[in-house]
C-alpha atoms as a PDB file:
ATOM      1  CA  MET A   1      13.604   2.453 171.088  1.00  0.00           C
ATOM      2  CA  SER A   2      16.016   0.415 168.981  1.00  0.00           C
ATOM      3  CA  GLU A   3      16.601   1.031 165.281  1.00  0.00           C
ATOM      4  CA  ARG A   4      14.863  -2.277 164.513  1.00  0.00           C
ATOM      5  CA  GLN A   5      11.691  -1.066 166.181  1.00  0.00           C
ATOM      6  CA  ARG A   6      11.567   2.350 164.601  1.00  0.00           C
ATOM      7  CA  ARG A   7       8.846   2.587 161.952  1.00  0.00           C
ATOM      8  CA  SER A   8      10.294   5.203 159.657  1.00  0.00           C
ATOM      9  CA  ASP A   9       9.080   3.589 156.445  1.00  0.00           C
ATOM     10  CA  ILE A  10       5.313   3.428 156.793  1.00  0.00           C
ATOM     11  CA  ASP A  11       4.760   1.924 153.328  1.00  0.00           C
ATOM     12  CA  THR A  12       7.109  -0.969 154.098  1.00  0.00           C
ATOM     13  CA  ALA A  13       5.601  -1.439 157.567  1.00  0.00           C
ATOM     14  CA  ASN A  14       2.125  -1.630 156.045  1.00  0.00           C
ATOM     15  CA  ALA A  15       3.292  -4.075 153.352  1.00  0.00           C
ATOM     16  CA  VAL A  16       4.858  -6.291 156.025  1.00  0.00           C
ATOM     17  CA  ALA A  17       1.707  -6.145 158.183  1.00  0.00           C
ATOM     18  CA  ARG A  18      -0.416  -7.162 155.226  1.00  0.00           C
ATOM     19  CA  GLY A  19       2.093  -9.856 154.281  1.00  0.00           C
ATOM     20  CA  VAL A  20       1.825 -11.332 157.776  1.00  0.00           C
ATOM     21  CA  ASN A  21      -1.961 -11.379 157.398  1.00  0.00           C
ATOM     22  CA  ILE A  22      -1.612 -13.094 154.019  1.00  0.00           C
ATOM     23  CA  GLN A  23       0.740 -15.655 155.544  1.00  0.00           C
ATOM     24  CA  GLY A  24      -1.808 -16.532 158.196  1.00  0.00           C
ATOM     25  CA  ILE A  25      -4.628 -16.940 155.711  1.00  0.00           C
ATOM     26  CA  ARG A  26      -3.086 -17.960 152.409  1.00  0.00           C
ATOM     27  CA  GLY A  27       0.390 -19.231 153.342  1.00  0.00           C
ATOM     28  CA  PRO A  28       3.997 -18.074 153.168  1.00  0.00           C
ATOM     29  CA  VAL A  29       4.435 -18.334 149.392  1.00  0.00           C
ATOM     30  CA  LEU A  30       1.754 -15.754 148.634  1.00  0.00           C
ATOM     31  CA  ALA A  31       2.958 -13.612 151.546  1.00  0.00           C
ATOM     32  CA  TRP A  32       6.491 -13.654 150.084  1.00  0.00           C
ATOM     33  CA  ARG A  33       5.190 -12.736 146.615  1.00  0.00           C
ATOM     34  CA  TYR A  34       3.097  -9.866 147.945  1.00  0.00           C
ATOM     35  CA  MET A  35       5.896  -8.362 150.033  1.00  0.00           C
ATOM     36  CA  ARG A  36       8.385  -8.780 147.169  1.00  0.00           C
ATOM     37  CA  TYR A  37       5.945  -6.990 144.834  1.00  0.00           C
ATOM     38  CA  LYS A  38       5.669  -4.169 147.380  1.00  0.00           C
ATOM     39  CA  GLY A  39       9.462  -3.761 147.491  1.00  0.00           C
ATOM     40  CA  VAL A  40      10.138  -5.160 150.952  1.00  0.00           C
ATOM     41  CA  PRO A  41      13.811  -6.265 151.143  1.00  0.00           C
ATOM     42  CA  ASP A  42      14.353 -10.032 150.968  1.00  0.00           C
ATOM     43  CA  THR A  43      16.163 -10.051 154.319  1.00  0.00           C
ATOM     44  CA  VAL A  44      13.149  -8.437 155.993  1.00  0.00           C
ATOM     45  CA  ILE A  45      10.729 -10.853 154.316  1.00  0.00           C
ATOM     46  CA  SER A  46      12.784 -13.859 155.419  1.00  0.00           C
ATOM     47  CA  ARG A  47      13.024 -12.625 158.986  1.00  0.00           C
ATOM     48  CA  VAL A  48       9.324 -11.785 159.256  1.00  0.00           C
ATOM     49  CA  LEU A  49       8.126 -15.069 157.787  1.00  0.00           C
ATOM     50  CA  ALA A  50      10.586 -17.261 159.707  1.00  0.00           C
ATOM     51  CA  GLU A  51      10.807 -15.606 163.118  1.00  0.00           C
ATOM     52  CA  ARG A  52       7.236 -15.260 164.260  1.00  0.00           C
ATOM     53  CA  ALA A  53       8.206 -14.634 167.901  1.00  0.00           C
ATOM     54  CA  ASN A  54      10.236 -11.551 166.932  1.00  0.00           C
ATOM     55  CA  ARG A  55       7.438  -9.835 165.043  1.00  0.00           C
ATOM     56  CA  ARG A  56       6.286  -6.440 166.139  1.00  0.00           C
ATOM     57  CA  ASP A  57       2.583  -6.124 166.900  1.00  0.00           C
ATOM     58  CA  PRO A  58       0.722  -4.178 164.214  1.00  0.00           C
ATOM     59  CA  SER A  59      -0.573  -0.742 165.016  1.00  0.00           C
ATOM     60  CA  PRO A  60      -4.351  -0.434 165.546  1.00  0.00           C
ATOM     61  CA  GLU A  61      -4.600   1.292 162.155  1.00  0.00           C
ATOM     62  CA  GLN A  62      -2.802  -1.594 160.426  1.00  0.00           C
ATOM     63  CA  THR A  63      -4.975  -4.157 162.164  1.00  0.00           C
ATOM     64  CA  ILE A  64      -8.104  -2.514 160.801  1.00  0.00           C
ATOM     65  CA  SER A  65      -6.949  -1.319 157.394  1.00  0.00           C
ATOM     66  CA  GLU A  66      -4.863  -4.373 156.504  1.00  0.00           C
ATOM     67  CA  ALA A  67      -7.373  -7.056 157.486  1.00  0.00           C
ATOM     68  CA  ILE A  68      -7.926  -9.647 154.792  1.00  0.00           C
ATOM     69  CA  THR A  69     -11.093 -11.663 154.555  1.00  0.00           C
ATOM     70  CA  PRO A  70     -10.675 -14.284 151.841  1.00  0.00           C
ATOM     71  CA  SER A  71     -13.652 -15.407 149.850  1.00  0.00           C
ATOM     72  CA  PRO A  72     -14.517 -19.052 150.390  1.00  0.00           C
ATOM     73  CA  PRO A  73     -13.878 -21.349 147.409  1.00  0.00           C
ATOM     74  CA  SER A  74     -16.965 -21.704 145.274  1.00  0.00           C
ATOM     75  CA  ASP A  75     -17.561 -25.427 144.867  1.00  0.00           C
ATOM     76  CA  SER A  76     -21.283 -25.177 144.264  1.00  0.00           C
END
């Protein structure tokens, strides 16, 4: 396993997984803000948001625990 694929920092890995979810639902700006707030290095954020093909698949735990279901806008 390469150094890039080693998940030694679980908090950062979880923040990145959630950031990727946010990107898919709310867009890259909010994903960037969230990951920055969580202390993910800027170089990691840039790589994750820009290079979708190089992303690591989330673990089953991250897929479940980091799922985001946005509330629909209330225009009623």
